């Protein structure tokens, strides 16, 4: 049953199980979260949980995959839109607004990802976070490359360096947010301005 989507013929229960599992895994971690607790939180029986998700490993992986797919869609969206008449600055600001709004709407997902990737526990189901980061990096690199071709960004700066610099600025803000610092309304503009113009006086 691990291949089931969060939405199936009885989707409301499957989604409720998934949402409560993600919350408990994010708060308590892999080992300290039991299927009994997830079932109780979701208001269902363990057999119902097994029916929808198969086992703890499949449920944990589904929680991770659900958030990674949502984040990937946000990043990929910036490539899919025909925005030849929109500046790179405006596109980056718009993308960051969407990203930060997603974090604030569904904070559990990012908390779970960070815990699972940065503090993995023994016997925690494996997930290929490295390939996910590579995919997101490639999306960002492609977006920046298009801006270079249009003359909006310098052509003498390595594209990988550009992408890592932008991602690093965002990652640091996410880490601070996870520790309680708010995401200011003008944060996307500040990050993009710093990325595009730097801090030098010349």
N, C-alpha and C. Protein backbone atom coordinates (compact mmCIF):
# COMPACT_ATOMS: atom_id res chain seq x y z
N UNK A 1 0.81 -1.20 0.00
CA UNK A 1 0.00 0.00 0.00
C UNK A 1 0.84 1.26 0.00
N UNK A 2 2.17 1.16 0.05
CA UNK A 2 3.01 2.35 0.19
C UNK A 2 2.97 3.24 -1.02
N UNK A 3 2.47 2.74 -2.15
CA UNK A 3 2.43 3.56 -3.35
C UNK A 3 1.18 4.42 -3.43
N UNK A 4 0.29 4.30 -2.45
CA UNK A 4 -0.94 5.08 -2.48
C UNK A 4 -0.65 6.57 -2.40
N UNK A 5 -1.42 7.34 -3.13
CA UNK A 5 -1.36 8.78 -3.01
C UNK A 5 -2.04 9.22 -1.73
N UNK A 6 -1.69 10.42 -1.20
CA UNK A 6 -2.41 10.93 -0.05
C UNK A 6 -3.91 11.08 -0.32
N UNK A 7 -4.31 11.18 -1.58
CA UNK A 7 -5.72 11.32 -1.92
C UNK A 7 -6.14 10.08 -2.70
N UNK A 8 -7.06 9.31 -2.12
CA UNK A 8 -7.58 8.15 -2.83
C UNK A 8 -9.10 8.14 -2.63
N UNK A 9 -9.71 6.99 -2.77
CA UNK A 9 -11.17 6.92 -2.68
C UNK A 9 -11.68 7.41 -1.32
N UNK A 10 -10.86 7.25 -0.29
CA UNK A 10 -11.23 7.72 1.03
C UNK A 10 -10.20 8.76 1.47
N UNK A 11 -9.98 9.72 0.58
CA UNK A 11 -8.85 10.64 0.72
C UNK A 11 -8.81 11.43 1.99
N UNK A 12 -9.94 11.81 2.54
CA UNK A 12 -9.92 12.65 3.74
C UNK A 12 -9.20 11.95 4.89
N UNK A 13 -9.44 10.65 5.06
CA UNK A 13 -8.76 9.93 6.13
C UNK A 13 -7.29 9.75 5.82
N UNK A 14 -6.96 9.41 4.59
CA UNK A 14 -5.56 9.22 4.21
C UNK A 14 -4.78 10.51 4.42
N UNK A 15 -5.36 11.64 4.04
CA UNK A 15 -4.68 12.92 4.22
C UNK A 15 -4.54 13.26 5.70
N UNK A 16 -5.55 12.94 6.48
CA UNK A 16 -5.50 13.22 7.92
C UNK A 16 -4.39 12.40 8.58
N UNK A 17 -4.28 11.16 8.18
CA UNK A 17 -3.19 10.31 8.70
C UNK A 17 -1.85 10.91 8.32
N UNK A 18 -1.71 11.30 7.06
CA UNK A 18 -0.44 11.84 6.58
C UNK A 18 -0.07 13.12 7.31
N UNK A 19 -1.04 14.02 7.48
CA UNK A 19 -0.77 15.30 8.14
C UNK A 19 -0.35 15.09 9.59
N UNK A 20 -1.02 14.21 10.30
CA UNK A 20 -0.67 13.97 11.69
C UNK A 20 0.65 13.22 11.81
N UNK A 21 0.93 12.33 10.88
CA UNK A 21 2.22 11.64 10.89
C UNK A 21 3.35 12.63 10.68
N UNK A 22 3.19 13.53 9.71
CA UNK A 22 4.23 14.53 9.45
C UNK A 22 4.47 15.39 10.68
N UNK A 23 3.40 15.80 11.34
CA UNK A 23 3.55 16.63 12.53
C UNK A 23 4.31 15.89 13.64
N UNK A 24 3.92 14.64 13.88
CA UNK A 24 4.57 13.88 14.95
C UNK A 24 6.02 13.55 14.60
N UNK A 25 6.28 13.17 13.36
CA UNK A 25 7.67 12.90 12.95
C UNK A 25 8.52 14.17 13.08
N UNK A 26 7.96 15.32 12.73
CA UNK A 26 8.70 16.57 12.82
C UNK A 26 8.99 16.95 14.27
N UNK A 27 8.02 16.71 15.14
CA UNK A 27 8.17 17.09 16.54
C UNK A 27 9.04 16.10 17.32
N UNK A 28 8.85 14.81 17.05
CA UNK A 28 9.44 13.79 17.92
C UNK A 28 10.52 12.96 17.26
N UNK A 29 10.54 12.97 15.92
CA UNK A 29 11.52 12.15 15.22
C UNK A 29 10.99 10.79 14.85
N UNK A 30 11.80 10.07 14.10
CA UNK A 30 11.42 8.77 13.57
C UNK A 30 11.18 7.74 14.69
N UNK A 31 12.17 7.56 15.54
CA UNK A 31 12.11 6.47 16.51
C UNK A 31 11.04 6.68 17.57
N UNK A 32 10.84 7.92 18.01
CA UNK A 32 9.92 8.20 19.12
C UNK A 32 8.47 8.26 18.70
N UNK A 33 8.20 8.16 17.42
CA UNK A 33 6.82 8.24 16.92
C UNK A 33 6.33 6.84 16.58
N UNK A 34 5.22 6.45 17.18
CA UNK A 34 4.67 5.12 16.93
C UNK A 34 3.44 5.21 16.05
N UNK A 35 3.13 4.12 15.39
CA UNK A 35 1.92 4.06 14.57
C UNK A 35 0.67 4.21 15.42
N UNK A 36 0.71 3.70 16.64
CA UNK A 36 -0.44 3.85 17.53
C UNK A 36 -0.73 5.33 17.79
N UNK A 37 0.33 6.09 18.05
CA UNK A 37 0.16 7.52 18.31
C UNK A 37 -0.36 8.25 17.08
N UNK A 38 0.14 7.87 15.92
CA UNK A 38 -0.32 8.50 14.68
C UNK A 38 -1.80 8.18 14.46
N UNK A 39 -2.17 6.93 14.66
CA UNK A 39 -3.58 6.54 14.48
C UNK A 39 -4.47 7.30 15.45
N UNK A 40 -4.05 7.41 16.70
CA UNK A 40 -4.84 8.14 17.69
C UNK A 40 -4.98 9.61 17.30
N UNK A 41 -3.89 10.22 16.86
CA UNK A 41 -3.93 11.63 16.47
C UNK A 41 -4.83 11.84 15.26
N UNK A 42 -4.85 10.87 14.35
CA UNK A 42 -5.67 10.97 13.14
C UNK A 42 -7.12 10.56 13.39
N UNK A 43 -7.40 9.99 14.56
CA UNK A 43 -8.75 9.55 14.87
C UNK A 43 -9.17 8.31 14.10
N UNK A 44 -8.22 7.38 13.95
CA UNK A 44 -8.54 6.15 13.22
C UNK A 44 -7.91 4.96 13.93
N UNK A 45 -8.15 3.78 13.42
CA UNK A 45 -7.56 2.58 13.97
C UNK A 45 -6.24 2.27 13.27
N UNK A 46 -5.42 1.45 13.91
CA UNK A 46 -4.18 1.03 13.25
C UNK A 46 -4.45 0.25 11.97
N UNK A 47 -5.47 -0.64 11.93
CA UNK A 47 -5.76 -1.31 10.65
C UNK A 47 -6.09 -0.32 9.53
N UNK A 48 -6.79 0.78 9.87
CA UNK A 48 -7.09 1.78 8.84
C UNK A 48 -5.82 2.45 8.36
N UNK A 49 -4.90 2.70 9.30
CA UNK A 49 -3.62 3.30 8.92
C UNK A 49 -2.85 2.35 8.01
N UNK A 50 -2.80 1.07 8.38
CA UNK A 50 -2.11 0.09 7.55
C UNK A 50 -2.75 0.01 6.16
N UNK A 51 -4.07 0.11 6.11
CA UNK A 51 -4.77 0.02 4.82
C UNK A 51 -4.31 1.13 3.89
N UNK A 52 -4.22 2.33 4.42
CA UNK A 52 -3.88 3.49 3.57
C UNK A 52 -2.38 3.60 3.29
N UNK A 53 -1.52 3.24 4.26
CA UNK A 53 -0.10 3.54 4.10
C UNK A 53 0.82 2.35 4.27
N UNK A 54 0.32 1.22 4.62
CA UNK A 54 1.14 0.01 4.62
C UNK A 54 1.94 -0.20 5.88
N UNK A 55 2.89 0.68 6.18
CA UNK A 55 3.72 0.52 7.37
C UNK A 55 4.35 1.88 7.72
N UNK A 56 5.09 1.89 8.80
CA UNK A 56 5.68 3.14 9.29
C UNK A 56 6.69 3.71 8.29
N UNK A 57 7.49 2.83 7.70
CA UNK A 57 8.50 3.28 6.74
C UNK A 57 7.84 3.97 5.54
N UNK A 58 6.79 3.35 5.01
CA UNK A 58 6.10 3.93 3.86
C UNK A 58 5.45 5.26 4.21
N UNK A 59 4.91 5.35 5.41
CA UNK A 59 4.25 6.58 5.84
C UNK A 59 5.27 7.70 6.02
N UNK A 60 6.40 7.39 6.63
CA UNK A 60 7.46 8.39 6.81
C UNK A 60 7.95 8.90 5.46
N UNK A 61 8.19 7.97 4.53
CA UNK A 61 8.66 8.35 3.20
C UNK A 61 7.63 9.20 2.48
N UNK A 62 6.36 8.87 2.64
CA UNK A 62 5.30 9.66 2.01
C UNK A 62 5.26 11.07 2.56
N UNK A 63 5.50 11.23 3.86
CA UNK A 63 5.54 12.56 4.46
C UNK A 63 6.69 13.38 3.87
N UNK A 64 7.85 12.76 3.75
CA UNK A 64 9.01 13.45 3.18
C UNK A 64 8.75 13.79 1.71
N UNK A 65 8.26 12.82 0.97
CA UNK A 65 8.05 13.03 -0.46
C UNK A 65 7.00 14.11 -0.72
N UNK A 66 5.96 14.15 0.09
CA UNK A 66 4.93 15.16 -0.10
C UNK A 66 5.49 16.56 -0.02
N UNK A 67 6.37 16.80 0.96
CA UNK A 67 6.95 18.14 1.11
C UNK A 67 7.98 18.42 0.02
N UNK A 68 8.80 17.44 -0.31
CA UNK A 68 9.82 17.68 -1.34
C UNK A 68 9.17 17.95 -2.70
N UNK A 69 8.08 17.26 -2.99
CA UNK A 69 7.39 17.50 -4.26
C UNK A 69 6.76 18.88 -4.29
N UNK A 70 6.24 19.34 -3.15
CA UNK A 70 5.67 20.68 -3.10
C UNK A 70 6.75 21.74 -3.31
N UNK A 71 7.91 21.55 -2.69
CA UNK A 71 9.00 22.51 -2.86
C UNK A 71 9.55 22.49 -4.28
N UNK A 72 9.67 21.31 -4.85
CA UNK A 72 10.16 21.20 -6.22
C UNK A 72 9.22 21.90 -7.18
N UNK A 73 7.92 21.77 -6.97
CA UNK A 73 6.94 22.43 -7.82
C UNK A 73 7.08 23.95 -7.75
N UNK A 74 7.35 24.47 -6.55
CA UNK A 74 7.53 25.91 -6.40
C UNK A 74 8.74 26.40 -7.17
N UNK A 75 9.83 25.65 -7.10
CA UNK A 75 11.05 26.04 -7.82
C UNK A 75 10.86 25.91 -9.32
N UNK A 76 10.29 24.79 -9.75
CA UNK A 76 10.11 24.53 -11.18
C UNK A 76 9.15 25.52 -11.83
N UNK A 77 8.21 26.02 -11.06
CA UNK A 77 7.22 26.95 -11.60
C UNK A 77 7.87 28.19 -12.20
N UNK A 78 8.98 28.61 -11.62
CA UNK A 78 9.66 29.80 -12.13
C UNK A 78 10.26 29.55 -13.52
N UNK A 79 10.50 28.30 -13.86
CA UNK A 79 11.03 27.97 -15.19
C UNK A 79 9.92 27.78 -16.21
N UNK A 80 8.77 27.34 -15.74
CA UNK A 80 7.69 26.99 -16.65
C UNK A 80 6.92 28.19 -17.18
N UNK A 81 6.92 29.27 -16.40
CA UNK A 81 6.16 30.44 -16.80
C UNK A 81 6.90 31.22 -17.88
N UNK A 82 6.17 31.61 -18.93
CA UNK A 82 6.77 32.44 -19.97
C UNK A 82 6.84 33.87 -19.45
N UNK A 83 8.02 34.23 -18.97
CA UNK A 83 8.17 35.55 -18.36
C UNK A 83 9.34 36.30 -18.98
N UNK A 84 9.42 36.27 -20.31
CA UNK A 84 10.53 36.93 -21.00
C UNK A 84 10.53 38.43 -20.77
N UNK A 85 9.37 38.99 -20.44
CA UNK A 85 9.29 40.43 -20.22
C UNK A 85 9.36 40.79 -18.73
N UNK A 86 9.66 39.80 -17.87
CA UNK A 86 9.78 40.04 -16.45
C UNK A 86 11.24 39.94 -16.05
N UNK A 87 11.75 40.91 -15.31
CA UNK A 87 13.16 40.92 -14.93
C UNK A 87 13.48 39.77 -14.00
N UNK A 88 14.77 39.42 -13.94
CA UNK A 88 15.20 38.35 -13.05
C UNK A 88 14.92 38.74 -11.60
N UNK A 89 15.08 40.02 -11.29
CA UNK A 89 14.80 40.46 -9.93
C UNK A 89 13.35 40.23 -9.54
N UNK A 90 12.45 40.60 -10.43
CA UNK A 90 11.02 40.41 -10.14
C UNK A 90 10.67 38.94 -10.03
N UNK A 91 11.27 38.11 -10.86
CA UNK A 91 10.98 36.67 -10.81
C UNK A 91 11.49 36.06 -9.52
N UNK A 92 12.68 36.47 -9.10
CA UNK A 92 13.23 35.93 -7.86
C UNK A 92 12.40 36.39 -6.66
N UNK A 93 12.01 37.64 -6.65
CA UNK A 93 11.18 38.14 -5.54
C UNK A 93 9.85 37.40 -5.49
N UNK A 94 9.22 37.23 -6.64
CA UNK A 94 7.96 36.49 -6.69
C UNK A 94 8.11 35.06 -6.21
N UNK A 95 9.20 34.41 -6.65
CA UNK A 95 9.44 33.03 -6.23
C UNK A 95 9.68 32.91 -4.74
N UNK A 96 10.44 33.86 -4.17
CA UNK A 96 10.71 33.82 -2.74
C UNK A 96 9.45 34.12 -1.93
N UNK A 97 8.61 35.00 -2.44
CA UNK A 97 7.34 35.25 -1.74
C UNK A 97 6.51 33.97 -1.67
N UNK A 98 6.44 33.26 -2.79
CA UNK A 98 5.68 32.00 -2.80
C UNK A 98 6.29 30.98 -1.85
N UNK A 99 7.62 30.91 -1.85
CA UNK A 99 8.32 29.95 -1.00
C UNK A 99 8.08 30.25 0.48
N UNK A 100 8.27 31.50 0.87
CA UNK A 100 8.07 31.86 2.27
C UNK A 100 6.61 31.71 2.69
N UNK A 101 5.70 32.02 1.78
CA UNK A 101 4.27 31.83 2.09
C UNK A 101 3.97 30.35 2.31
N UNK A 102 4.60 29.49 1.52
CA UNK A 102 4.43 28.04 1.69
C UNK A 102 4.93 27.60 3.06
N UNK A 103 6.09 28.12 3.48
CA UNK A 103 6.62 27.76 4.79
C UNK A 103 5.65 28.14 5.90
N UNK A 104 5.09 29.32 5.80
CA UNK A 104 4.22 29.80 6.87
C UNK A 104 2.87 29.09 6.85
N UNK A 105 2.42 28.66 5.66
CA UNK A 105 1.17 27.89 5.58
C UNK A 105 1.34 26.49 6.14
N UNK A 106 2.48 25.88 5.83
CA UNK A 106 2.71 24.48 6.20
C UNK A 106 4.09 24.32 6.83
N UNK A 107 4.30 24.87 8.03
CA UNK A 107 5.63 24.83 8.64
C UNK A 107 6.11 23.42 8.99
N UNK A 108 5.16 22.50 9.21
CA UNK A 108 5.56 21.15 9.60
C UNK A 108 6.44 20.48 8.55
N UNK A 109 6.12 20.71 7.28
CA UNK A 109 6.87 20.05 6.21
C UNK A 109 8.35 20.38 6.24
N UNK A 110 8.68 21.66 6.34
CA UNK A 110 10.10 22.05 6.36
C UNK A 110 10.78 21.58 7.64
N UNK A 111 10.07 21.64 8.76
CA UNK A 111 10.66 21.16 10.01
C UNK A 111 10.99 19.67 9.90
N UNK A 112 10.12 18.92 9.26
CA UNK A 112 10.36 17.49 9.08
C UNK A 112 11.56 17.26 8.17
N UNK A 113 11.63 18.00 7.05
CA UNK A 113 12.75 17.82 6.13
C UNK A 113 14.08 18.11 6.80
N UNK A 114 14.14 19.22 7.53
CA UNK A 114 15.39 19.60 8.17
C UNK A 114 15.80 18.57 9.22
N UNK A 115 14.83 18.10 9.98
CA UNK A 115 15.15 17.09 10.99
C UNK A 115 15.62 15.80 10.34
N UNK A 116 14.91 15.38 9.31
CA UNK A 116 15.25 14.11 8.67
C UNK A 116 16.60 14.16 7.97
N UNK A 117 16.93 15.32 7.37
CA UNK A 117 18.19 15.42 6.64
C UNK A 117 19.37 15.72 7.55
N UNK A 118 19.20 16.65 8.48
CA UNK A 118 20.33 17.12 9.28
C UNK A 118 20.53 16.32 10.56
N UNK A 119 19.47 15.67 11.04
CA UNK A 119 19.58 14.87 12.27
C UNK A 119 18.98 13.49 12.06
N UNK A 120 19.46 12.76 11.07
CA UNK A 120 18.88 11.42 10.82
C UNK A 120 19.13 10.48 11.99
N UNK A 121 18.15 9.62 12.22
CA UNK A 121 18.23 8.68 13.33
C UNK A 121 18.57 7.28 12.82
N UNK A 122 19.12 6.44 13.70
CA UNK A 122 19.38 5.06 13.30
C UNK A 122 18.10 4.39 12.80
N UNK A 123 18.21 3.67 11.72
CA UNK A 123 17.11 2.92 11.11
C UNK A 123 16.04 3.80 10.47
N UNK A 124 16.27 5.10 10.41
CA UNK A 124 15.34 5.98 9.71
C UNK A 124 15.37 5.64 8.22
N UNK A 125 14.22 5.55 7.57
CA UNK A 125 14.22 5.24 6.14
C UNK A 125 15.06 6.24 5.35
N UNK A 126 15.83 5.72 4.43
CA UNK A 126 16.73 6.58 3.64
C UNK A 126 15.93 7.41 2.64
N UNK A 127 16.40 8.61 2.41
CA UNK A 127 15.82 9.46 1.38
C UNK A 127 16.97 10.20 0.71
N UNK A 128 16.90 10.31 -0.62
CA UNK A 128 18.00 10.89 -1.39
C UNK A 128 17.91 12.42 -1.41
N UNK A 129 18.28 13.03 -0.28
CA UNK A 129 18.25 14.49 -0.19
C UNK A 129 19.28 15.13 -1.11
N UNK A 130 20.41 14.45 -1.34
CA UNK A 130 21.46 15.03 -2.19
C UNK A 130 20.95 15.24 -3.61
N UNK A 131 20.25 14.26 -4.16
CA UNK A 131 19.72 14.41 -5.51
C UNK A 131 18.65 15.49 -5.57
N UNK A 132 17.89 15.61 -4.49
CA UNK A 132 16.87 16.67 -4.44
C UNK A 132 17.53 18.04 -4.48
N UNK A 133 18.57 18.23 -3.70
CA UNK A 133 19.27 19.52 -3.70
C UNK A 133 19.90 19.78 -5.06
N UNK A 134 20.46 18.75 -5.67
CA UNK A 134 21.04 18.91 -7.00
C UNK A 134 19.99 19.34 -8.01
N UNK A 135 18.80 18.75 -7.92
CA UNK A 135 17.72 19.11 -8.83
C UNK A 135 17.32 20.57 -8.65
N UNK A 136 17.16 21.01 -7.42
CA UNK A 136 16.80 22.40 -7.16
C UNK A 136 17.90 23.34 -7.62
N UNK A 137 19.15 22.93 -7.39
CA UNK A 137 20.28 23.75 -7.84
C UNK A 137 20.25 23.91 -9.36
N UNK A 138 19.97 22.83 -10.07
CA UNK A 138 19.92 22.89 -11.53
C UNK A 138 18.80 23.82 -12.01
N UNK A 139 17.65 23.77 -11.34
CA UNK A 139 16.55 24.68 -11.70
C UNK A 139 16.98 26.14 -11.54
N UNK A 140 17.58 26.44 -10.39
CA UNK A 140 18.01 27.82 -10.12
C UNK A 140 19.09 28.24 -11.10
N UNK A 141 20.03 27.32 -11.37
CA UNK A 141 21.12 27.63 -12.31
C UNK A 141 20.55 27.93 -13.69
N UNK A 142 19.56 27.16 -14.12
CA UNK A 142 18.95 27.39 -15.43
C UNK A 142 18.27 28.75 -15.49
N UNK A 143 17.57 29.10 -14.42
CA UNK A 143 16.90 30.40 -14.36
C UNK A 143 17.92 31.53 -14.44
N UNK A 144 19.02 31.40 -13.73
CA UNK A 144 20.05 32.43 -13.75
C UNK A 144 20.75 32.48 -15.11
N UNK A 145 20.94 31.31 -15.73
CA UNK A 145 21.57 31.27 -17.05
C UNK A 145 20.75 32.03 -18.08
N UNK A 146 19.44 31.92 -17.99
CA UNK A 146 18.58 32.66 -18.91
C UNK A 146 18.74 34.16 -18.69
N UNK A 147 18.90 34.56 -17.43
CA UNK A 147 19.11 35.98 -17.14
C UNK A 147 20.45 36.46 -17.67
N UNK A 148 21.46 35.60 -17.62
CA UNK A 148 22.76 35.96 -18.20
C UNK A 148 22.63 36.16 -19.70
N UNK A 149 21.91 35.26 -20.35
CA UNK A 149 21.71 35.37 -21.80
C UNK A 149 21.00 36.66 -22.19
N UNK A 150 20.12 37.14 -21.31
CA UNK A 150 19.40 38.39 -21.58
C UNK A 150 20.18 39.62 -21.16
N UNK A 151 21.37 39.40 -20.63
CA UNK A 151 22.20 40.52 -20.22
C UNK A 151 21.83 41.11 -18.87
N UNK A 152 21.04 40.40 -18.08
CA UNK A 152 20.63 40.91 -16.77
C UNK A 152 21.64 40.59 -15.67
N UNK A 153 22.42 39.55 -15.87
CA UNK A 153 23.43 39.16 -14.90
C UNK A 153 24.79 39.07 -15.58
N UNK A 154 25.82 39.22 -14.80
CA UNK A 154 27.19 39.20 -15.34
C UNK A 154 27.52 37.84 -15.94
N UNK A 155 28.18 37.88 -17.07
CA UNK A 155 28.56 36.64 -17.74
C UNK A 155 29.90 36.12 -17.27
N UNK A 156 30.63 36.92 -16.48
CA UNK A 156 31.96 36.49 -16.03
C UNK A 156 31.92 35.83 -14.65
N UNK A 157 30.73 35.60 -14.11
CA UNK A 157 30.59 34.93 -12.82
C UNK A 157 30.10 33.52 -13.05
N UNK A 158 30.73 32.57 -12.39
CA UNK A 158 30.36 31.17 -12.54
C UNK A 158 28.91 30.95 -12.13
N UNK A 159 28.15 30.27 -12.97
CA UNK A 159 26.73 30.07 -12.70
C UNK A 159 26.49 29.23 -11.44
N UNK A 160 27.34 28.25 -11.21
CA UNK A 160 27.19 27.45 -10.01
C UNK A 160 27.43 28.30 -8.76
N UNK A 161 28.42 29.19 -8.83
CA UNK A 161 28.66 30.09 -7.70
C UNK A 161 27.45 30.99 -7.46
N UNK A 162 26.87 31.49 -8.53
CA UNK A 162 25.67 32.33 -8.40
C UNK A 162 24.55 31.57 -7.70
N UNK A 163 24.29 30.36 -8.19
CA UNK A 163 23.19 29.56 -7.64
C UNK A 163 23.43 29.20 -6.19
N UNK A 164 24.67 28.85 -5.86
CA UNK A 164 24.99 28.52 -4.46
C UNK A 164 24.85 29.74 -3.57
N UNK A 165 25.25 30.90 -4.06
CA UNK A 165 25.14 32.12 -3.27
C UNK A 165 23.69 32.43 -2.95
N UNK A 166 22.83 32.34 -3.95
CA UNK A 166 21.42 32.63 -3.74
C UNK A 166 20.79 31.60 -2.80
N UNK A 167 21.06 30.32 -3.05
CA UNK A 167 20.50 29.27 -2.20
C UNK A 167 20.98 29.40 -0.77
N UNK A 168 22.25 29.75 -0.60
CA UNK A 168 22.81 29.90 0.74
C UNK A 168 22.13 31.00 1.54
N UNK A 169 21.85 32.11 0.87
CA UNK A 169 21.16 33.20 1.55
C UNK A 169 19.78 32.77 2.02
N UNK A 170 19.09 32.05 1.17
CA UNK A 170 17.75 31.59 1.52
C UNK A 170 17.81 30.52 2.62
N UNK A 171 18.74 29.57 2.49
CA UNK A 171 18.85 28.50 3.49
C UNK A 171 19.11 29.06 4.88
N UNK A 172 19.96 30.07 4.97
CA UNK A 172 20.26 30.65 6.28
C UNK A 172 19.02 31.29 6.89
N UNK A 173 18.22 31.93 6.06
CA UNK A 173 16.98 32.54 6.58
C UNK A 173 15.99 31.47 7.03
N UNK A 174 15.96 30.37 6.32
CA UNK A 174 15.07 29.27 6.72
C UNK A 174 15.51 28.72 8.07
N UNK A 175 16.82 28.57 8.27
CA UNK A 175 17.32 28.08 9.55
C UNK A 175 16.93 29.01 10.69
N UNK A 176 17.06 30.33 10.46
CA UNK A 176 16.67 31.29 11.49
C UNK A 176 15.16 31.22 11.76
N UNK A 177 14.38 31.05 10.69
CA UNK A 177 12.93 30.93 10.84
C UNK A 177 12.57 29.71 11.67
N UNK A 178 13.27 28.61 11.45
CA UNK A 178 13.02 27.39 12.22
C UNK A 178 13.30 27.60 13.71
N UNK A 179 14.17 28.57 14.02
CA UNK A 179 14.49 28.87 15.41
C UNK A 179 13.70 30.06 15.94
N UNK A 180 12.66 30.45 15.22
CA UNK A 180 11.75 31.44 15.76
C UNK A 180 11.81 32.83 15.19
N UNK A 181 12.77 33.10 14.30
CA UNK A 181 12.85 34.45 13.72
C UNK A 181 11.80 34.58 12.62
N UNK A 182 11.00 35.65 12.63
CA UNK A 182 9.94 35.78 11.63
C UNK A 182 10.49 36.05 10.24
N UNK A 183 9.68 35.72 9.24
CA UNK A 183 10.01 36.02 7.85
C UNK A 183 9.39 37.39 7.53
N UNK A 184 10.20 38.43 7.58
CA UNK A 184 9.69 39.79 7.36
C UNK A 184 9.04 39.91 5.99
N UNK A 185 8.05 40.76 5.90
CA UNK A 185 7.31 40.93 4.65
C UNK A 185 8.22 41.36 3.50
N UNK A 186 9.26 42.15 3.80
CA UNK A 186 10.14 42.64 2.74
C UNK A 186 11.40 41.79 2.59
N UNK A 187 11.43 40.61 3.21
CA UNK A 187 12.62 39.77 3.13
C UNK A 187 12.94 39.35 1.70
N UNK A 188 11.96 38.97 0.86
CA UNK A 188 12.32 38.62 -0.53
C UNK A 188 13.04 39.76 -1.25
N UNK A 189 12.54 40.99 -1.09
CA UNK A 189 13.20 42.12 -1.74
C UNK A 189 14.61 42.34 -1.22
N UNK A 190 14.80 42.19 0.09
CA UNK A 190 16.12 42.40 0.67
C UNK A 190 17.12 41.35 0.18
N UNK A 191 16.68 40.09 0.15
CA UNK A 191 17.57 39.02 -0.32
C UNK A 191 17.96 39.25 -1.78
N UNK A 192 16.97 39.56 -2.62
CA UNK A 192 17.24 39.72 -4.04
C UNK A 192 18.10 40.96 -4.29
N UNK A 193 17.85 42.03 -3.57
CA UNK A 193 18.68 43.23 -3.73
C UNK A 193 20.12 42.93 -3.36
N UNK A 194 20.32 42.23 -2.26
CA UNK A 194 21.68 41.87 -1.85
C UNK A 194 22.33 40.95 -2.86
N UNK A 195 21.57 40.01 -3.38
CA UNK A 195 22.11 39.08 -4.38
C UNK A 195 22.52 39.82 -5.66
N UNK A 196 21.68 40.72 -6.10
CA UNK A 196 21.93 41.40 -7.39
C UNK A 196 22.95 42.52 -7.27
N UNK A 197 23.01 43.18 -6.11
CA UNK A 197 23.85 44.39 -5.99
C UNK A 197 25.00 44.27 -5.01
N UNK A 198 24.98 43.23 -4.17
CA UNK A 198 26.10 43.02 -3.25
C UNK A 198 26.15 44.06 -2.15
N UNK A 199 27.30 44.08 -1.45
CA UNK A 199 27.47 44.99 -0.32
C UNK A 199 28.66 45.92 -0.52
N UNK A 200 29.31 45.82 -1.65
CA UNK A 200 30.47 46.68 -1.91
C UNK A 200 30.05 48.10 -2.29
N UNK A 201 30.97 49.02 -2.18
CA UNK A 201 30.69 50.42 -2.53
C UNK A 201 31.11 50.77 -3.94
N UNK A 202 31.76 49.83 -4.63
CA UNK A 202 32.23 50.15 -5.99
C UNK A 202 31.55 49.22 -7.00
